[in-house]
Amino acid sequence: MSKEGEWQEGMPTHETILFSCFGGLSNTGITSALACLETVKELGLAKVAIGCLPSVPLGVKPVIGKAKAAKKIITVDGCPFECARKTIEAAGFKIDKSIVLVRDIGMKKVALHTDIGKGLGVEKYISQEDINKAKELITKSILEK
C-alpha cells in the first residue's frame, strides 16, 4: 500500500534526473552538489530534479521509478572516481550524459582535510566561478535534444 503523496508509476515526473556526487571531503564534490542545486533552482522541478544516489543500489521504488520514467539521466561527478556514474550504471540505467568536473571544466581536486584545526571554512575551497561553469555545462546537457 502506498502512502498518500508518494510517487507511483504512471504519474508525471521530472524530465531529467541528475545523480550527483555530493562528496563533502573535497572541493569537487561540494561544487558538483551546489551546481546541481543551482541548476534545479534555475530550470525548475518540471524540467530537472536531483535523484537520491544512495537509494539507487538499495532499490528504493519511487527513486527507481522516477529514474526509469525520466527522459534523461545525467550524472555529475567532481572527480575521476566517478562514483555517481558507476553507481547508476551498476543499477542498469543508461546515462545520457556523464559530467566530471575535473575533466570537463578543469577543476583541481583539493581534499578538505589539509587545513583541519586551522579554523578555515569550506568557502576557501570552492569558487563561484567553478559553480557557474559546472551549472552552465549541466544546463546545456539538459537542454540538448
Protein backbone atom coordinates (compact mmCIF):
# COMPACT_ATOMS: atom_id res chain seq x y z
CA MET A 1 0.00 0.00 0.00
CA SER A 2 1.39 3.41 -0.92
CA LYS A 3 1.46 6.47 1.26
CA GLU A 4 -0.58 9.47 0.16
CA GLY A 5 1.52 11.82 -1.94
CA GLU A 6 4.16 9.18 -2.75
CA TRP A 7 5.09 9.00 -6.41
CA GLN A 8 3.64 5.99 -8.24
CA GLU A 9 4.49 4.53 -11.65
CA GLY A 10 2.49 6.31 -14.35
CA MET A 11 2.45 9.66 -12.54
CA PRO A 12 4.23 12.61 -14.17
CA THR A 13 7.83 13.15 -13.17
CA HIS A 14 10.79 15.39 -13.86
CA GLU A 15 12.09 15.37 -17.45
CA THR A 16 15.70 14.97 -16.32
CA ILE A 17 17.11 13.35 -13.21
CA LEU A 18 20.57 14.42 -12.03
CA PHE A 19 22.55 11.97 -9.95
CA SER A 20 25.38 13.91 -8.39
CA CYS A 21 28.38 13.30 -6.24
CA PHE A 22 27.75 15.28 -3.06
CA GLY A 23 31.15 14.30 -1.67
CA GLY A 24 31.92 16.70 1.15
CA LEU A 25 35.52 15.53 1.52
CA SER A 26 36.74 17.61 -1.41
CA ASN A 27 36.00 20.83 -3.23
CA THR A 28 34.87 18.98 -6.36
CA GLY A 29 32.04 17.11 -4.64
CA ILE A 30 30.74 20.25 -2.97
CA THR A 31 30.93 22.15 -6.26
CA SER A 32 29.04 19.34 -8.02
CA ALA A 33 26.30 19.50 -5.39
CA LEU A 34 25.98 23.28 -5.48
CA ALA A 35 25.95 23.40 -9.28
CA CYS A 36 23.17 20.81 -9.41
CA LEU A 37 21.13 22.71 -6.84
CA GLU A 38 21.59 25.97 -8.77
CA THR A 39 20.51 24.23 -11.98
CA VAL A 40 17.30 22.96 -10.39
CA LYS A 41 16.56 26.43 -8.98
CA GLU A 42 17.07 27.98 -12.43
CA LEU A 43 15.22 25.44 -14.60
CA GLY A 44 12.50 24.29 -12.19
CA LEU A 45 11.37 20.91 -10.94
CA ALA A 46 9.30 20.01 -14.01
CA LYS A 47 12.50 20.15 -16.05
CA VAL A 48 15.04 18.67 -13.61
CA ALA A 49 15.46 17.19 -10.14
CA ILE A 50 18.28 15.65 -8.17
CA GLY A 51 17.87 11.93 -7.56
CA CYS A 52 18.96 10.29 -4.32
CA LEU A 53 22.12 8.46 -5.37
CA PRO A 54 22.41 6.15 -2.32
CA SER A 55 18.84 4.94 -2.79
CA VAL A 56 19.54 3.50 -6.26
CA PRO A 57 21.57 0.44 -5.20
CA LEU A 58 19.08 -0.05 -2.35
CA GLY A 59 16.22 -0.28 -4.87
CA VAL A 60 14.04 2.47 -3.36
CA LYS A 61 10.99 2.16 -5.61
CA PRO A 62 9.96 5.81 -6.08
CA VAL A 63 13.52 6.83 -6.97
CA ILE A 64 13.97 3.89 -9.34
CA GLY A 65 10.57 4.59 -10.90
CA LYS A 66 11.30 8.27 -11.43
CA ALA A 67 14.66 7.44 -12.99
CA LYS A 68 13.01 4.93 -15.34
CA ALA A 69 10.33 7.46 -16.30
CA ALA A 70 12.68 10.40 -16.85
CA LYS A 71 13.58 11.37 -20.40
CA LYS A 72 17.24 11.89 -19.44
CA ILE A 73 19.62 10.77 -16.73
CA ILE A 74 22.73 12.88 -16.19
CA THR A 75 25.47 12.07 -13.72
CA VAL A 76 27.64 14.83 -12.28
CA ASP A 77 30.86 13.76 -10.59
CA GLY A 78 33.50 16.00 -9.15
CA CYS A 79 36.49 13.76 -9.63
CA PRO A 80 37.76 10.85 -11.73
CA PHE A 81 36.44 8.28 -9.23
CA GLU A 82 33.05 8.86 -10.98
CA CYS A 83 31.03 7.39 -8.12
CA ALA A 84 27.71 8.73 -9.42
CA ARG A 85 28.23 7.34 -12.93
CA LYS A 86 29.41 3.95 -11.67
CA THR A 87 26.52 3.64 -9.21
CA ILE A 88 23.88 4.45 -11.82
CA GLU A 89 25.43 2.18 -14.46
CA ALA A 90 25.74 -0.67 -11.94
CA ALA A 91 21.98 -0.35 -11.35
CA GLY A 92 21.42 -0.93 -15.07
CA PHE A 93 20.49 2.58 -16.15
CA LYS A 94 21.54 4.20 -19.42
CA ILE A 95 23.22 7.53 -18.75
CA ASP A 96 22.57 10.23 -21.31
CA LYS A 97 25.47 12.42 -20.19
CA SER A 98 28.31 11.95 -17.72
CA ILE A 99 29.92 15.14 -16.44
CA VAL A 100 33.18 15.06 -14.47
CA LEU A 101 34.24 18.47 -13.18
CA VAL A 102 37.99 17.84 -13.14
CA ARG A 103 37.81 16.66 -16.74
CA ASP A 104 35.10 18.90 -18.17
CA ILE A 105 35.70 22.27 -16.54
CA GLY A 106 39.32 21.79 -15.49
CA MET A 107 38.81 21.86 -11.72
CA LYS A 108 41.67 20.81 -9.50
CA LYS A 109 40.58 18.50 -6.70
CA VAL A 110 41.59 19.60 -3.21
CA ALA A 111 40.93 17.44 -0.16
CA LEU A 112 39.31 19.35 2.69
CA HIS A 113 41.31 17.65 5.47
CA THR A 114 44.51 19.59 4.82
CA ASP A 115 43.54 22.58 6.97
CA ILE A 116 41.61 20.86 9.77
CA GLY A 117 42.23 22.68 13.02
CA LYS A 118 43.20 25.96 11.37
CA GLY A 119 39.68 27.39 11.50
CA LEU A 120 39.30 27.80 7.73
CA GLY A 121 35.82 27.49 6.24
CA VAL A 122 34.72 25.40 3.29
CA GLU A 123 34.29 28.57 1.23
CA LYS A 124 38.09 28.71 0.93
CA TYR A 125 37.94 25.61 -1.25
CA ILE A 126 35.09 26.39 -3.61
CA SER A 127 34.62 29.21 -6.10
CA GLN A 128 31.50 30.73 -7.58
CA GLU A 129 33.28 30.68 -10.95
CA ASP A 130 33.59 26.85 -10.82
CA ILE A 131 29.98 26.50 -9.67
CA ASN A 132 28.84 28.70 -12.58
CA LYS A 133 30.93 26.75 -15.12
CA ALA A 134 29.53 23.47 -13.87
CA LYS A 135 25.95 24.79 -13.82
CA GLU A 136 26.35 26.05 -17.39
CA LEU A 137 27.56 22.62 -18.54
CA ILE A 138 24.76 20.81 -16.68
CA THR A 139 22.12 23.18 -18.08
CA LYS A 140 23.45 22.75 -21.62
CA SER A 141 23.30 18.96 -21.23
CA ILE A 142 19.69 19.12 -20.01
CA LEU A 143 18.52 21.40 -22.81
CA GLU A 144 20.24 19.44 -25.63
CA LYS A 145 17.80 17.42 -27.69
